[in-house]
Amino acid sequence: MSEHRYVVIGAGAVGGVLAARLSQAGREVLLVARGEHGRVIAEHGLTVRHPDGVDTVRLPVVAGPHEVSLRSTDVLLLAVKTQDAEGALRDWSWLPLADVSGGVAADLPIVTFQNGLETESAALRRFASVHGATIAIAASYLTAGEVVSPSRAPAEGAIWVGRYPTGGDEVTEAVVRDLSEAGFHAVVSDDVRAEKSAKLLGNVGNGLDLLTGSDEDRDAARALLRAEATAALAAAGLPIGRLDAPLSVEPVEGHEPGRLSTWQSFARGASSEIDHLNGEIVLLARRHGLAAPVNERLQRLLGSEHTGPRDLTTLLAAVPGPAPVGV
């Protein structure tokens, strides 16, 4: 894939680490980073803090699609948050290709790294070559110009990539090969929906980081959220895969581990992906005649400033009667 350029759209925790490691592995990379984050990267490079020290990665960076001259050999890596994916797809899809008369960005392969189940379908409205990617990575982004990646060899993150809705092709295989050579545990998926569903089962508990309460209540809430999600996914006929990955998380100086992507968004004052995590389960449940009261309550608690105290007892009060047996 060395003849290709990776255009990494979004420079948060996922996009930043992907761009840095692909660039360090000798791949041509163009990073799209907005605002102060992008300005700092353009002036000083992207700082990657990790267990063995600090890397400063110099790579081309632009603020948005209006600054990019696309080529027919580009591969787009969409690494924005799920709630921003539709806007990004709209902004990028019809950009012209500089080297093909009448060619547009929608002719290029796009790899979607979003949580939830929505982005691949949205991308397929415009792009013929959509490749869903599920990533397990402990990285974080809180400071302009900097990402933290607390995993080390044998893998900085685990990534499952497959053609959407199912299968694979030469693009899938080439992307997986490049990611593997960049230090990730990357594999081809035969059905990307399976890994996306498995990741969503874990993501429905992300918002619990933002609620106060005891560890016992937190564990109970997480079990209830997962039980509702499992039932909704089954009702929708969606496969649930396994996310086995050789990942270790090591200390990084000045970094507090365990803060998931939803918490990071709230900490930066950014928009929340909760409507595409717990809200995705609520949507599936409603479509198939099920109830998902705990996921619905968490969605409301984190989606509005007017829902009262954000505590676990408020969330657990959504359970109608005793907790299900086995939860």
Protein backbone atom coordinates (compact mmCIF):
# COMPACT_ATOMS: atom_id res chain seq x y z
CA MET A 1 0.00 0.00 0.00
CA SER A 2 3.10 2.22 -0.01
CA GLU A 3 1.99 3.87 -3.28
CA HIS A 4 -1.12 5.13 -1.52
CA ARG A 5 -1.55 8.17 0.67
CA TYR A 6 -3.65 7.90 3.80
CA VAL A 7 -5.82 10.96 4.41
CA VAL A 8 -6.67 10.74 8.11
CA ILE A 9 -9.80 12.78 8.78
CA GLY A 10 -9.85 13.61 12.49
CA ALA A 11 -6.86 13.95 14.80
CA GLY A 12 -8.25 12.85 18.14
CA ALA A 13 -7.02 9.84 20.08
CA VAL A 14 -7.68 7.34 17.28
CA GLY A 15 -6.80 9.51 14.29
CA GLY A 16 -3.74 10.97 15.95
CA VAL A 17 -2.20 7.61 16.82
CA LEU A 18 -3.09 6.13 13.42
CA ALA A 19 -1.49 9.04 11.58
CA ALA A 20 1.61 9.06 13.74
CA ARG A 21 2.32 5.35 13.53
CA LEU A 22 1.55 5.03 9.81
CA SER A 23 3.85 7.97 9.12
CA GLN A 24 6.61 6.48 11.27
CA ALA A 25 6.21 3.21 9.34
CA GLY A 26 7.02 5.02 6.11
CA ARG A 27 3.52 5.50 4.72
CA GLU A 28 2.53 8.81 3.20
CA VAL A 29 0.00 10.47 5.49
CA LEU A 30 -2.00 13.68 5.40
CA LEU A 31 -3.66 14.57 8.71
CA VAL A 32 -6.82 16.67 8.91
CA ALA A 33 -6.96 18.48 12.26
CA ARG A 34 -9.11 21.48 13.15
CA GLY A 35 -8.68 24.48 15.41
CA GLU A 36 -5.95 24.90 18.00
CA HIS A 37 -5.13 21.19 17.87
CA GLY A 38 -4.35 21.44 14.17
CA ARG A 39 -2.42 24.68 14.57
CA VAL A 40 -0.14 23.20 17.22
CA ILE A 41 0.49 20.07 15.15
CA ALA A 42 1.29 22.15 12.06
CA GLU A 43 3.76 24.32 13.98
CA HIS A 44 5.36 21.85 16.37
CA GLY A 45 4.45 18.35 15.17
CA LEU A 46 2.15 15.82 16.78
CA THR A 47 3.28 14.85 20.27
CA VAL A 48 2.66 11.19 21.12
CA ARG A 49 3.24 10.31 24.77
CA HIS A 50 3.69 6.60 25.44
CA PRO A 51 5.16 4.27 28.10
CA ASP A 52 8.69 4.55 26.69
CA GLY A 53 8.80 8.32 26.34
CA VAL A 54 7.62 11.00 23.94
CA ASP A 55 7.64 11.10 20.13
CA THR A 56 7.28 14.23 18.07
CA VAL A 57 5.94 13.25 14.67
CA ARG A 58 6.21 15.77 11.86
CA LEU A 59 3.66 15.22 9.11
CA PRO A 60 1.58 17.33 6.73
CA VAL A 61 -1.57 18.71 8.33
CA VAL A 62 -4.53 20.68 6.96
CA ALA A 63 -7.53 22.23 8.67
CA GLY A 64 -10.25 20.83 6.42
CA PRO A 65 -11.29 19.44 3.04
CA HIS A 66 -11.02 22.81 1.31
CA GLU A 67 -7.21 22.62 1.75
CA VAL A 68 -6.76 19.15 0.23
CA SER A 69 -5.94 18.20 -3.36
CA LEU A 70 -7.16 14.61 -3.51
CA ARG A 71 -5.62 11.89 -5.70
CA SER A 72 -7.16 8.76 -7.15
CA THR A 73 -4.73 6.65 -5.10
CA ASP A 74 -5.76 8.13 -1.74
CA VAL A 75 -7.39 6.08 1.00
CA LEU A 76 -9.58 8.01 3.44
CA LEU A 77 -9.45 7.03 7.12
CA LEU A 78 -12.49 8.56 8.81
CA ALA A 79 -11.55 9.01 12.48
CA VAL A 80 -13.98 11.67 13.68
CA LYS A 81 -16.46 10.84 16.45
CA THR A 82 -19.67 9.12 15.37
CA GLN A 83 -21.82 12.21 15.93
CA ASP A 84 -19.58 14.13 13.50
CA ALA A 85 -19.39 11.43 10.82
CA GLU A 86 -22.42 12.49 8.76
CA GLY A 87 -21.14 16.05 8.49
CA ALA A 88 -17.70 14.83 7.49
CA LEU A 89 -19.11 12.49 4.86
CA ARG A 90 -21.16 15.35 3.45
CA ASP A 91 -18.16 17.68 3.34
CA TRP A 92 -15.75 15.19 1.75
CA SER A 93 -17.79 12.99 -0.58
CA TRP A 94 -18.02 15.23 -3.65
CA LEU A 95 -14.61 16.89 -3.55
CA PRO A 96 -12.92 16.61 -6.96
CA LEU A 97 -9.94 14.36 -7.61
CA ALA A 98 -7.02 16.34 -8.97
CA ASP A 99 -5.77 13.61 -11.32
CA VAL A 100 -9.02 12.16 -12.74
CA SER A 101 -11.43 14.22 -14.82
CA GLY A 102 -14.88 13.98 -13.23
CA GLY A 103 -13.57 11.91 -10.34
CA VAL A 104 -14.71 12.68 -6.78
CA ALA A 105 -13.78 11.59 -3.27
CA ALA A 106 -16.70 9.15 -3.20
CA ASP A 107 -14.75 7.09 -5.76
CA LEU A 108 -12.04 6.46 -3.15
CA PRO A 109 -11.96 3.73 -0.51
CA ILE A 110 -13.01 4.95 2.93
CA VAL A 111 -12.27 3.20 6.24
CA THR A 112 -14.68 4.09 9.04
CA PHE A 113 -13.39 3.87 12.64
CA GLN A 114 -16.51 5.05 14.46
CA ASN A 115 -18.18 3.40 17.44
CA GLY A 116 -21.77 2.28 17.03
CA LEU A 117 -23.50 0.90 13.95
CA GLU A 118 -24.46 4.00 12.00
CA THR A 119 -21.46 5.30 10.07
CA GLU A 120 -20.93 2.46 7.59
CA SER A 121 -24.50 2.70 6.33
CA ALA A 122 -24.22 6.49 6.04
CA ALA A 123 -20.95 6.15 4.13
CA LEU A 124 -22.41 3.58 1.74
CA ARG A 125 -24.96 6.17 0.55
CA ARG A 126 -22.07 7.97 -1.12
CA PHE A 127 -18.99 5.72 -1.23
CA ALA A 128 -18.93 2.46 -3.20
CA SER A 129 -15.90 1.13 -1.32
CA VAL A 130 -16.65 1.26 2.43
CA HIS A 131 -14.49 -0.64 4.90
CA GLY A 132 -15.62 -0.75 8.50
CA ALA A 133 -12.93 -0.75 11.18
CA THR A 134 -13.37 -1.62 14.83
CA ILE A 135 -10.50 -0.42 17.01
CA ALA A 136 -9.58 -1.35 20.55
CA ILE A 137 -7.07 1.18 21.84
CA ALA A 138 -6.36 2.86 25.15
CA ALA A 139 -5.34 6.18 23.61
CA SER A 140 -6.65 9.55 24.75
CA TYR A 141 -6.74 13.14 23.54
CA LEU A 142 -7.19 15.98 26.01
CA THR A 143 -4.49 18.55 25.14
CA ALA A 144 -4.01 20.44 21.86
CA GLY A 145 -1.20 18.97 19.79
CA GLU A 146 -0.90 15.83 21.89
CA VAL A 147 -2.24 12.29 22.15
CA VAL A 148 -1.42 9.65 24.75
CA SER A 149 -0.99 6.00 23.76
CA PRO A 150 -0.36 3.80 26.82
CA SER A 151 0.04 0.45 25.03
CA ARG A 152 3.30 -0.99 23.78
CA ALA A 153 4.48 -4.01 21.79
CA PRO A 154 3.27 -6.46 20.66
CA ALA A 155 0.45 -4.08 19.69
CA GLU A 156 -0.44 -0.44 20.22
CA GLY A 157 -4.04 -1.22 19.38
CA ALA A 158 -6.16 -3.94 17.82
CA ILE A 159 -8.08 -3.27 14.61
CA TRP A 160 -10.57 -5.42 12.69
CA VAL A 161 -11.19 -4.26 9.10
CA GLY A 162 -13.65 -5.59 6.55
CA ARG A 163 -15.60 -4.53 3.50
CA TYR A 164 -19.08 -3.33 4.48
CA PRO A 165 -21.50 -4.97 4.84
CA THR A 166 -19.53 -8.23 4.59
CA GLY A 167 -16.44 -9.69 3.00
CA GLY A 168 -13.08 -8.27 2.10
CA ASP A 169 -11.01 -7.32 -0.94
CA GLU A 170 -7.55 -6.20 -1.93
CA VAL A 171 -8.05 -2.81 -0.29
CA THR A 172 -9.00 -4.45 3.01
CA GLU A 173 -5.94 -6.68 2.87
CA ALA A 174 -3.60 -3.82 1.98
CA VAL A 175 -4.92 -1.58 4.78
CA VAL A 176 -4.54 -4.42 7.28
CA ARG A 177 -1.00 -5.07 6.09
CA ASP A 178 -0.05 -1.39 6.47
CA LEU A 179 -1.61 -1.16 9.92
CA SER A 180 0.20 -4.32 11.00
CA GLU A 181 3.53 -2.91 9.85
CA ALA A 182 2.73 0.29 11.76
CA GLY A 183 2.53 -1.62 15.05
CA PHE A 184 -1.14 -2.56 15.33
CA HIS A 185 -2.69 -6.00 15.72
CA ALA A 186 -4.77 -5.78 12.54
CA VAL A 187 -6.89 -8.55 11.03
CA VAL A 188 -9.36 -8.93 8.18
CA SER A 189 -12.97 -9.36 9.31
CA ASP A 190 -15.44 -11.38 7.25
CA ASP A 191 -18.38 -9.51 8.79
CA VAL A 192 -17.56 -6.08 10.22
CA ARG A 193 -20.96 -5.90 11.89
CA ALA A 194 -19.89 -8.60 14.34
CA GLU A 195 -16.95 -6.64 15.75
CA LYS A 196 -18.92 -3.38 15.66
CA SER A 197 -21.67 -5.03 17.73
CA ALA A 198 -19.16 -6.49 20.18
CA LYS A 199 -17.53 -3.09 20.65
CA LEU A 200 -20.95 -1.50 21.20
CA LEU A 201 -21.66 -3.95 24.03
CA GLY A 202 -18.69 -2.43 25.84
CA ASN A 203 -19.36 1.15 24.75
CA VAL A 204 -22.83 1.26 26.33
CA GLY A 205 -21.05 1.54 29.67
CA ASN A 206 -18.82 4.47 28.64
CA GLY A 207 -21.16 7.09 30.09
CA LEU A 208 -20.95 5.56 33.57
CA ASP A 209 -17.64 7.40 34.00
CA LEU A 210 -19.67 10.60 34.22
CA LEU A 211 -22.06 9.45 36.95
CA THR A 212 -21.37 9.47 40.66
CA GLY A 213 -21.99 6.49 42.90
CA SER A 214 -20.57 3.30 44.36
CA ASP A 215 -18.57 0.67 42.50
CA GLU A 216 -21.32 -1.83 43.30
CA ASP A 217 -23.98 0.35 41.64
CA ARG A 218 -21.65 0.96 38.69
CA ASP A 219 -21.19 -2.77 38.14
CA ALA A 220 -24.94 -3.34 38.40
CA ALA A 221 -25.67 -0.57 35.92
CA ARG A 222 -23.09 -1.87 33.45
CA ALA A 223 -24.61 -5.36 33.59
CA LEU A 224 -28.11 -3.98 32.96
CA LEU A 225 -26.93 -1.85 30.05
CA ARG A 226 -25.19 -4.84 28.46
CA ALA A 227 -28.19 -7.12 28.98
CA GLU A 228 -30.49 -4.66 27.20
CA ALA A 229 -27.94 -4.21 24.42
CA THR A 230 -27.50 -7.95 23.93
CA ALA A 231 -31.27 -8.42 23.65
CA ALA A 232 -31.63 -5.52 21.18
CA LEU A 233 -28.79 -6.74 18.96
CA ALA A 234 -30.23 -10.26 18.95
CA ALA A 235 -33.69 -8.96 18.03
CA ALA A 236 -32.14 -7.05 15.14
CA GLY A 237 -30.42 -10.23 13.92
CA LEU A 238 -26.97 -8.68 14.24
CA PRO A 239 -23.98 -10.97 14.83
CA ILE A 240 -21.81 -10.38 17.90
CA GLY A 241 -18.14 -11.20 17.50
CA ARG A 242 -15.24 -11.44 19.91
CA LEU A 243 -12.64 -8.75 20.43
CA ASP A 244 -9.64 -10.80 21.52
CA ALA A 245 -6.58 -8.57 21.39
CA PRO A 246 -2.99 -8.78 22.75
CA LEU A 247 -3.11 -5.38 24.43
CA SER A 248 -1.34 -4.21 27.55
CA VAL A 249 -1.84 -0.81 29.16
CA GLU A 250 1.24 0.67 30.83
CA PRO A 251 1.75 3.82 32.91
CA VAL A 252 2.46 7.06 31.06
CA GLU A 253 3.82 9.94 33.11
CA GLY A 254 1.07 12.44 33.99
CA HIS A 255 -1.66 10.32 32.38
CA GLU A 256 -4.68 8.99 34.28
CA PRO A 257 -5.73 5.69 32.68
CA GLY A 258 -9.24 4.34 32.22
CA ARG A 259 -10.89 7.52 30.91
CA LEU A 260 -12.97 6.37 27.95
CA SER A 261 -13.91 8.34 24.84
CA THR A 262 -17.23 9.63 26.18
CA TRP A 263 -15.54 11.05 29.29
CA GLN A 264 -12.81 12.62 27.13
CA SER A 265 -15.42 14.40 24.99
CA PHE A 266 -17.14 15.86 28.04
CA ALA A 267 -13.77 16.89 29.52
CA ARG A 268 -12.91 18.84 26.36
CA GLY A 269 -16.38 20.38 26.19
CA ALA A 270 -17.03 18.60 22.89
CA SER A 271 -20.28 17.02 21.75
CA SER A 272 -21.22 13.59 23.06
CA GLU A 273 -21.53 10.33 21.11
CA ILE A 274 -24.10 9.01 23.60
CA ASP A 275 -26.93 9.10 21.02
CA HIS A 276 -24.93 6.64 18.90
CA LEU A 277 -24.04 4.32 21.80
CA ASN A 278 -26.90 3.97 24.27
CA GLY A 279 -29.15 5.72 21.76
CA GLU A 280 -28.33 3.04 19.20
CA ILE A 281 -29.61 0.38 21.61
CA VAL A 282 -32.75 2.42 22.29
CA LEU A 283 -33.34 2.68 18.53
CA LEU A 284 -32.91 -1.06 17.94
CA ALA A 285 -35.14 -1.90 20.91
CA ARG A 286 -37.93 0.39 19.72
CA ARG A 287 -37.74 -1.00 16.20
CA HIS A 288 -38.18 -4.55 17.48
CA GLY A 289 -40.78 -4.02 20.19
CA LEU A 290 -38.42 -4.19 23.15
CA ALA A 291 -37.77 -1.86 26.06
CA ALA A 292 -34.31 -0.56 26.99
CA PRO A 293 -35.11 1.67 30.00
CA VAL A 294 -31.60 1.82 31.48
CA ASN A 295 -29.97 2.74 28.18
CA GLU A 296 -32.73 5.29 27.60
CA ARG A 297 -32.22 6.85 31.02
CA LEU A 298 -28.45 7.09 30.55
CA GLN A 299 -28.97 8.66 27.13
CA ARG A 300 -31.23 11.29 28.67
CA LEU A 301 -28.96 11.93 31.64
CA LEU A 302 -26.00 12.69 29.40
CA GLY A 303 -27.86 14.19 26.47
CA SER A 304 -29.53 17.03 28.35
CA GLU A 305 -28.48 19.67 30.85
CA HIS A 306 -31.91 19.60 32.47
CA THR A 307 -32.25 16.03 33.75
CA GLY A 308 -31.21 16.59 37.37
CA PRO A 309 -28.37 14.87 39.26
CA ARG A 310 -26.14 12.57 37.25
CA ASP A 311 -25.82 9.70 39.72
CA LEU A 312 -26.09 5.94 39.51
CA THR A 313 -29.13 5.68 41.76
CA THR A 314 -31.06 7.86 39.30
CA LEU A 315 -30.00 5.53 36.49
CA LEU A 316 -30.88 2.34 38.37
CA ALA A 317 -34.29 3.76 39.23
CA ALA A 318 -35.15 3.22 35.55
CA VAL A 319 -35.26 -0.54 36.13
CA PRO A 320 -38.90 -1.68 36.24
CA GLY A 321 -38.94 -4.01 39.25
CA PRO A 322 -36.20 -6.42 40.31
CA ALA A 323 -33.07 -6.74 38.18
CA PRO A 324 -33.25 -9.62 35.67
CA VAL A 325 -32.03 -12.98 36.97
CA GLY A 326 -28.36 -13.50 36.14
CA VAL A 327 -27.54 -9.80 35.75
